Amino acid sequence: MSFTLNELLDDSSIRSVSGRAIPVPGNDIDTDRIIPARFMKCVTFDQLGQYAFYDARFNENGSKKEHSFNEEKYRGAAVMVVNSNFGCGSSREHAPQALKRWGIKAIIGESFAEIFADNCASLGMPAVTARKEDVEKITAFVKNNPSREVIIDLEKMEASCGDFKVSIFQPEQTRNALIRGAWDSTAELLSAANDIKETAKRLPYQNGFK
């Protein structure tokens, strides 16, 4: 089956994300807290969701700690609300992969570690920033209204919940890639299949060095 570039990009484009939200308060939450290193010994990322924030959620005996990821009212949330320098530490891709497998589709916060934000974008999971006071407003709204949706609109560059809206920010290159669907490197590669074949024909080592 073949696809045109436009079909591939349309399938992958991310213009907005909406869903119930979950707050994860705290500054400088690093990737080891998001997904402890011992759970990274996996062949695929598929089962990582159950281990997101594992050590922050469970004691050594398996009993639960107080953490929003353990609260039933936030189960099924798609938007995560965080504070500053979220995703700092090592550049492990497993961190955003674990969040995505848990069900997170977008993150809004005060600031992100650059590599973490880039890794999120490569999964089609927007990580957008907002002013500290606006993140505080959204966090308060979510805590008081866990069943209400938060909407992140990448075209309007705003987040809305309840009766208020706040401006959000994201590097223009990242935003354009998400909106165009160009974040999906596999789709980008497949869209150039014919060009790749033609280039391969011209490579000497593909043609017996003729």
C-alpha atoms as a PDB file:
ATOM      1  CA  MET A   1       0.000   0.000   0.000  1.00  0.00           C
ATOM      2  CA  SER A   2       1.361   3.435  -0.898  1.00  0.00           C
ATOM      3  CA  PHE A   3       0.531   6.852   0.518  1.00  0.00           C
ATOM      4  CA  THR A   4       0.998  10.358  -0.761  1.00  0.00           C
ATOM      5  CA  LEU A   5       2.942  12.847   1.367  1.00  0.00           C
ATOM      6  CA  ASN A   6      -0.217  14.811   2.115  1.00  0.00           C
ATOM      7  CA  GLU A   7      -2.033  11.677   3.278  1.00  0.00           C
ATOM      8  CA  LEU A   8       0.834  10.789   5.580  1.00  0.00           C
ATOM      9  CA  LEU A   9       1.051  14.273   7.028  1.00  0.00           C
ATOM     10  CA  ASP A  10      -2.719  14.554   7.469  1.00  0.00           C
ATOM     11  CA  ASP A  11      -2.723  11.281   9.417  1.00  0.00           C
ATOM     12  CA  SER A  12       0.062  12.486  11.678  1.00  0.00           C
ATOM     13  CA  SER A  13      -0.826  16.150  12.141  1.00  0.00           C
ATOM     14  CA  ILE A  14      -1.437  17.298  15.697  1.00  0.00           C
ATOM     15  CA  ARG A  15      -3.239  20.624  15.899  1.00  0.00           C
ATOM     16  CA  SER A  16      -4.813  20.289  19.325  1.00  0.00           C
ATOM     17  CA  VAL A  17      -4.983  17.896  22.244  1.00  0.00           C
ATOM     18  CA  SER A  18      -7.813  17.721  24.735  1.00  0.00           C
ATOM     19  CA  GLY A  19      -8.679  15.567  27.682  1.00  0.00           C
ATOM     20  CA  ARG A  20      -8.929  15.415  31.420  1.00  0.00           C
ATOM     21  CA  ALA A  21      -5.754  16.547  33.138  1.00  0.00           C
ATOM     22  CA  ILE A  22      -3.484  15.376  35.928  1.00  0.00           C
ATOM     23  CA  PRO A  23      -1.188  17.624  37.982  1.00  0.00           C
ATOM     24  CA  VAL A  24       2.321  16.476  38.892  1.00  0.00           C
ATOM     25  CA  PRO A  25       3.657  19.287  41.105  1.00  0.00           C
ATOM     26  CA  GLY A  26       7.309  19.934  41.833  1.00  0.00           C
ATOM     27  CA  ASN A  27      10.321  21.544  40.198  1.00  0.00           C
ATOM     28  CA  ASP A  28      13.292  19.692  38.672  1.00  0.00           C
ATOM     29  CA  ILE A  29      11.511  16.355  38.316  1.00  0.00           C
ATOM     30  CA  ASP A  30      14.135  14.343  36.463  1.00  0.00           C
ATOM     31  CA  THR A  31      13.862  11.451  34.049  1.00  0.00           C
ATOM     32  CA  ASP A  32      14.982   8.934  36.684  1.00  0.00           C
ATOM     33  CA  ARG A  33      11.962   9.872  38.781  1.00  0.00           C
ATOM     34  CA  ILE A  34       9.718   9.617  35.711  1.00  0.00           C
ATOM     35  CA  ILE A  35      11.020   6.128  34.876  1.00  0.00           C
ATOM     36  CA  PRO A  36      13.570   4.465  37.209  1.00  0.00           C
ATOM     37  CA  ALA A  37      16.559   3.011  35.371  1.00  0.00           C
ATOM     38  CA  ARG A  38      15.857  -0.597  36.399  1.00  0.00           C
ATOM     39  CA  PHE A  39      12.719  -0.606  34.251  1.00  0.00           C
ATOM     40  CA  MET A  40      14.623   0.366  31.116  1.00  0.00           C
ATOM     41  CA  LYS A  41      15.741  -3.212  30.437  1.00  0.00           C
ATOM     42  CA  CYS A  42      12.961  -3.741  27.947  1.00  0.00           C
ATOM     43  CA  VAL A  43      12.843  -4.843  24.329  1.00  0.00           C
ATOM     44  CA  THR A  44       9.941  -2.532  23.482  1.00  0.00           C
ATOM     45  CA  PHE A  45       8.374   0.478  25.203  1.00  0.00           C
ATOM     46  CA  ASP A  46       4.897  -1.056  25.287  1.00  0.00           C
ATOM     47  CA  GLN A  47       4.753  -1.937  28.994  1.00  0.00           C
ATOM     48  CA  LEU A  48       6.542   1.123  30.369  1.00  0.00           C
ATOM     49  CA  GLY A  49       3.353   2.980  31.303  1.00  0.00           C
ATOM     50  CA  GLN A  50       2.808   0.924  34.457  1.00  0.00           C
ATOM     51  CA  TYR A  51       6.226   1.997  35.754  1.00  0.00           C
ATOM     52  CA  ALA A  52       5.818   5.759  35.297  1.00  0.00           C
ATOM     53  CA  PHE A  53       6.830   7.522  38.552  1.00  0.00           C
ATOM     54  CA  TYR A  54       7.101   4.076  40.127  1.00  0.00           C
ATOM     55  CA  ASP A  55       9.395   4.978  43.024  1.00  0.00           C
ATOM     56  CA  ALA A  56       7.397   8.132  43.726  1.00  0.00           C
ATOM     57  CA  ARG A  57       4.180   6.074  43.762  1.00  0.00           C
ATOM     58  CA  PHE A  58       5.155   2.962  45.721  1.00  0.00           C
ATOM     59  CA  ASN A  59       7.093   2.012  48.825  1.00  0.00           C
ATOM     60  CA  GLU A  60       9.561  -0.879  48.785  1.00  0.00           C
ATOM     61  CA  ASN A  61       6.870  -3.221  50.140  1.00  0.00           C
ATOM     62  CA  GLY A  62       4.550  -2.285  47.256  1.00  0.00           C
ATOM     63  CA  SER A  63       2.193  -0.115  49.282  1.00  0.00           C
ATOM     64  CA  LYS A  64       1.059   3.096  47.644  1.00  0.00           C
ATOM     65  CA  LYS A  65       2.392   6.543  48.397  1.00  0.00           C
ATOM     66  CA  GLU A  66       0.457   9.744  47.866  1.00  0.00           C
ATOM     67  CA  HIS A  67       0.876  10.620  44.189  1.00  0.00           C
ATOM     68  CA  SER A  68      -1.525  11.914  41.586  1.00  0.00           C
ATOM     69  CA  PHE A  69      -0.785   8.922  39.321  1.00  0.00           C
ATOM     70  CA  ASN A  70      -2.291   6.723  42.048  1.00  0.00           C
ATOM     71  CA  GLU A  71      -5.489   8.734  42.392  1.00  0.00           C
ATOM     72  CA  GLU A  72      -8.564   7.248  40.794  1.00  0.00           C
ATOM     73  CA  LYS A  73      -9.999  10.670  39.920  1.00  0.00           C
ATOM     74  CA  TYR A  74      -7.112  11.259  37.506  1.00  0.00           C
ATOM     75  CA  ARG A  75      -7.181   7.844  35.846  1.00  0.00           C
ATOM     76  CA  GLY A  76      -7.510   8.199  32.084  1.00  0.00           C
ATOM     77  CA  ALA A  77      -6.133  11.748  32.035  1.00  0.00           C
ATOM     78  CA  ALA A  78      -4.483  12.825  28.783  1.00  0.00           C
ATOM     79  CA  VAL A  79      -2.917  16.179  29.702  1.00  0.00           C
ATOM     80  CA  MET A  80      -0.248  16.499  32.376  1.00  0.00           C
ATOM     81  CA  VAL A  81       0.377  19.778  34.219  1.00  0.00           C
ATOM     82  CA  VAL A  82       3.900  20.267  35.616  1.00  0.00           C
ATOM     83  CA  ASN A  83       6.162  22.984  36.991  1.00  0.00           C
ATOM     84  CA  SER A  84       9.680  24.084  36.055  1.00  0.00           C
ATOM     85  CA  ASN A  85      12.581  22.145  34.501  1.00  0.00           C
ATOM     86  CA  PHE A  86      10.494  19.021  34.076  1.00  0.00           C
ATOM     87  CA  GLY A  87      12.356  16.109  32.463  1.00  0.00           C
ATOM     88  CA  CYS A  88      15.833  17.215  33.493  1.00  0.00           C
ATOM     89  CA  GLY A  89      18.648  14.721  34.081  1.00  0.00           C
ATOM     90  CA  SER A  90      19.559  12.018  31.578  1.00  0.00           C
ATOM     91  CA  SER A  91      18.226  12.190  28.049  1.00  0.00           C
ATOM     92  CA  ARG A  92      16.558   8.763  28.184  1.00  0.00           C
ATOM     93  CA  GLU A  93      13.742   8.419  25.656  1.00  0.00           C
ATOM     94  CA  HIS A  94      12.075   5.981  28.044  1.00  0.00           C
ATOM     95  CA  ALA A  95      10.751   8.883  30.136  1.00  0.00           C
ATOM     96  CA  PRO A  96       8.333  10.348  27.568  1.00  0.00           C
ATOM     97  CA  GLN A  97       7.645   6.831  26.297  1.00  0.00           C
ATOM     98  CA  ALA A  98       6.482   5.790  29.784  1.00  0.00           C
ATOM     99  CA  LEU A  99       4.221   8.827  30.053  1.00  0.00           C
ATOM    100  CA  LYS A 100       2.752   8.185  26.621  1.00  0.00           C
ATOM    101  CA  ARG A 101       2.104   4.530  27.475  1.00  0.00           C
ATOM    102  CA  TRP A 102       0.367   5.633  30.682  1.00  0.00           C
ATOM    103  CA  GLY A 103      -1.983   7.709  28.520  1.00  0.00           C
ATOM    104  CA  ILE A 104      -0.474  11.188  28.434  1.00  0.00           C
ATOM    105  CA  LYS A 105      -0.929  12.949  25.091  1.00  0.00           C
ATOM    106  CA  ALA A 106       0.364  16.434  25.946  1.00  0.00           C
ATOM    107  CA  ILE A 107       2.166  18.228  28.762  1.00  0.00           C
ATOM    108  CA  ILE A 108       1.904  21.837  29.845  1.00  0.00           C
ATOM    109  CA  GLY A 109       4.365  23.319  32.323  1.00  0.00           C
ATOM    110  CA  GLU A 110       6.523  26.256  33.280  1.00  0.00           C
ATOM    111  CA  SER A 111       9.634  24.871  31.546  1.00  0.00           C
ATOM    112  CA  PHE A 112      11.151  21.641  30.261  1.00  0.00           C
ATOM    113  CA  ALA A 113      14.606  20.214  29.808  1.00  0.00           C
ATOM    114  CA  GLU A 114      15.299  20.756  26.105  1.00  0.00           C
ATOM    115  CA  ILE A 115      16.112  17.146  25.216  1.00  0.00           C
ATOM    116  CA  PHE A 116      13.042  15.886  27.073  1.00  0.00           C
ATOM    117  CA  ALA A 117      10.795  18.319  25.164  1.00  0.00           C
ATOM    118  CA  ASP A 118      12.387  17.234  21.867  1.00  0.00           C
ATOM    119  CA  ASN A 119      11.853  13.564  22.749  1.00  0.00           C
ATOM    120  CA  CYS A 120       8.202  14.330  23.491  1.00  0.00           C
ATOM    121  CA  ALA A 121       7.787  16.030  20.116  1.00  0.00           C
ATOM    122  CA  SER A 122       9.315  13.036  18.339  1.00  0.00           C
ATOM    123  CA  LEU A 123       6.474  10.955  19.824  1.00  0.00           C
ATOM    124  CA  GLY A 124       3.792  13.428  18.761  1.00  0.00           C
ATOM    125  CA  MET A 125       3.279  14.489  22.373  1.00  0.00           C
ATOM    126  CA  PRO A 126       3.396  18.298  22.615  1.00  0.00           C
ATOM    127  CA  ALA A 127       5.268  19.762  25.590  1.00  0.00           C
ATOM    128  CA  VAL A 128       4.207  23.403  25.801  1.00  0.00           C
ATOM    129  CA  THR A 129       5.044  26.089  28.332  1.00  0.00           C
ATOM    130  CA  ALA A 130       2.975  28.783  30.007  1.00  0.00           C
ATOM    131  CA  ARG A 131       3.653  31.515  32.508  1.00  0.00           C
ATOM    132  CA  LYS A 132       4.069  30.371  36.113  1.00  0.00           C
ATOM    133  CA  GLU A 133       0.883  32.103  37.247  1.00  0.00           C
ATOM    134  CA  ASP A 134      -1.080  30.522  34.397  1.00  0.00           C
ATOM    135  CA  VAL A 135       0.229  27.043  35.218  1.00  0.00           C
ATOM    136  CA  GLU A 136      -0.855  27.644  38.809  1.00  0.00           C
ATOM    137  CA  LYS A 137      -4.351  28.596  37.611  1.00  0.00           C
ATOM    138  CA  ILE A 138      -4.612  25.466  35.469  1.00  0.00           C
ATOM    139  CA  THR A 139      -3.330  23.290  38.317  1.00  0.00           C
ATOM    140  CA  ALA A 140      -5.922  24.712  40.698  1.00  0.00           C
ATOM    141  CA  PHE A 141      -8.666  24.198  38.120  1.00  0.00           C
ATOM    142  CA  VAL A 142      -7.660  20.575  37.549  1.00  0.00           C
ATOM    143  CA  LYS A 143      -7.513  19.783  41.257  1.00  0.00           C
ATOM    144  CA  ASN A 144     -10.978  21.248  41.770  1.00  0.00           C
ATOM    145  CA  ASN A 145     -12.438  19.875  38.539  1.00  0.00           C
ATOM    146  CA  PRO A 146     -10.730  16.548  37.710  1.00  0.00           C
ATOM    147  CA  SER A 147     -13.538  15.528  35.371  1.00  0.00           C
ATOM    148  CA  ARG A 148     -13.271  18.668  33.202  1.00  0.00           C
ATOM    149  CA  GLU A 149     -11.187  18.853  30.023  1.00  0.00           C
ATOM    150  CA  VAL A 150      -8.129  20.943  29.311  1.00  0.00           C
ATOM    151  CA  ILE A 151      -7.593  21.873  25.666  1.00  0.00           C
ATOM    152  CA  ILE A 152      -4.185  22.643  24.189  1.00  0.00           C
ATOM    153  CA  ASP A 153      -4.537  24.365  20.812  1.00  0.00           C
ATOM    154  CA  LEU A 154      -1.294  24.534  18.845  1.00  0.00           C
ATOM    155  CA  GLU A 155      -2.814  26.631  16.067  1.00  0.00           C
ATOM    156  CA  LYS A 156      -4.093  29.350  18.405  1.00  0.00           C
ATOM    157  CA  MET A 157      -1.239  28.763  20.875  1.00  0.00           C
ATOM    158  CA  GLU A 158      -3.541  28.775  23.848  1.00  0.00           C
ATOM    159  CA  ALA A 159      -4.705  26.404  26.540  1.00  0.00           C
ATOM    160  CA  SER A 160      -8.248  26.563  27.822  1.00  0.00           C
ATOM    161  CA  CYS A 161     -10.098  25.046  30.727  1.00  0.00           C
ATOM    162  CA  GLY A 162     -13.353  26.079  32.237  1.00  0.00           C
ATOM    163  CA  ASP A 163     -14.066  29.691  31.405  1.00  0.00           C
ATOM    164  CA  PHE A 164     -10.490  30.934  31.029  1.00  0.00           C
ATOM    165  CA  LYS A 165      -7.737  30.707  28.430  1.00  0.00           C
ATOM    166  CA  VAL A 166      -3.988  31.212  28.736  1.00  0.00           C
ATOM    167  CA  SER A 167      -1.245  31.732  26.178  1.00  0.00           C
ATOM    168  CA  ILE A 168       1.142  28.850  25.595  1.00  0.00           C
ATOM    169  CA  PHE A 169       4.582  28.771  24.032  1.00  0.00           C
ATOM    170  CA  GLN A 170       6.568  26.292  21.967  1.00  0.00           C
ATOM    171  CA  PRO A 171       9.537  26.596  19.580  1.00  0.00           C
ATOM    172  CA  GLU A 172       8.127  27.447  16.161  1.00  0.00           C
ATOM    173  CA  GLN A 173      10.012  24.656  14.440  1.00  0.00           C
ATOM    174  CA  THR A 174       8.557  22.081  16.826  1.00  0.00           C
ATOM    175  CA  ARG A 175       5.069  23.541  16.558  1.00  0.00           C
ATOM    176  CA  ASN A 176       5.179  23.482  12.759  1.00  0.00           C
ATOM    177  CA  ALA A 177       6.422  19.894  12.729  1.00  0.00           C
ATOM    178  CA  LEU A 178       3.520  18.785  14.941  1.00  0.00           C
ATOM    179  CA  ILE A 179       0.885  20.691  12.972  1.00  0.00           C
ATOM    180  CA  ARG A 180       2.234  19.464   9.626  1.00  0.00           C
ATOM    181  CA  GLY A 181       2.685  15.915  10.861  1.00  0.00           C
ATOM    182  CA  ALA A 182       6.408  16.117  10.139  1.00  0.00           C
ATOM    183  CA  TRP A 183       7.242  14.990  13.696  1.00  0.00           C
ATOM    184  CA  ASP A 184       6.766  11.385  12.596  1.00  0.00           C
ATOM    185  CA  SER A 185      10.156  10.411  11.186  1.00  0.00           C
ATOM    186  CA  THR A 186       8.798   7.089   9.887  1.00  0.00           C
ATOM    187  CA  ALA A 187       6.058   8.850   7.915  1.00  0.00           C
ATOM    188  CA  GLU A 188       8.607  11.325   6.581  1.00  0.00           C
ATOM    189  CA  LEU A 189      10.831   8.462   5.464  1.00  0.00           C
ATOM    190  CA  LEU A 190       7.981   6.574   3.800  1.00  0.00           C
ATOM    191  CA  SER A 191       6.846   9.702   1.995  1.00  0.00           C
ATOM    192  CA  ALA A 192      10.245   9.827   0.276  1.00  0.00           C
ATOM    193  CA  ALA A 193      10.270   6.144  -0.704  1.00  0.00           C
ATOM    194  CA  ASN A 194      10.532   6.828  -4.445  1.00  0.00           C
ATOM    195  CA  ASP A 195      13.374   9.309  -3.994  1.00  0.00           C
ATOM    196  CA  ILE A 196      15.186   6.817  -1.781  1.00  0.00           C
ATOM    197  CA  LYS A 197      14.877   4.102  -4.420  1.00  0.00           C
ATOM    198  CA  GLU A 198      16.193   6.410  -7.120  1.00  0.00           C
ATOM    199  CA  THR A 199      19.110   7.473  -4.963  1.00  0.00           C
ATOM    200  CA  ALA A 200      19.914   3.856  -4.131  1.00  0.00           C
ATOM    201  CA  LYS A 201      20.129   3.047  -7.842  1.00  0.00           C
ATOM    202  CA  ARG A 202      22.870   5.648  -8.213  1.00  0.00           C
ATOM    203  CA  LEU A 203      25.004   4.338  -5.367  1.00  0.00           C
ATOM    204  CA  PRO A 204      28.047   2.415  -6.662  1.00  0.00           C
ATOM    205  CA  TYR A 205      27.976  -0.191  -3.899  1.00  0.00           C
ATOM    206  CA  GLN A 206      24.359  -0.981  -4.792  1.00  0.00           C
ATOM    207  CA  ASN A 207      25.287  -1.659  -8.381  1.00  0.00           C
ATOM    208  CA  GLY A 208      28.446  -3.686  -8.152  1.00  0.00           C
ATOM    209  CA  PHE A 209      30.540  -0.483  -8.276  1.00  0.00           C
ATOM    210  CA  LYS A 210      29.635   0.026 -11.935  1.00  0.00           C
END
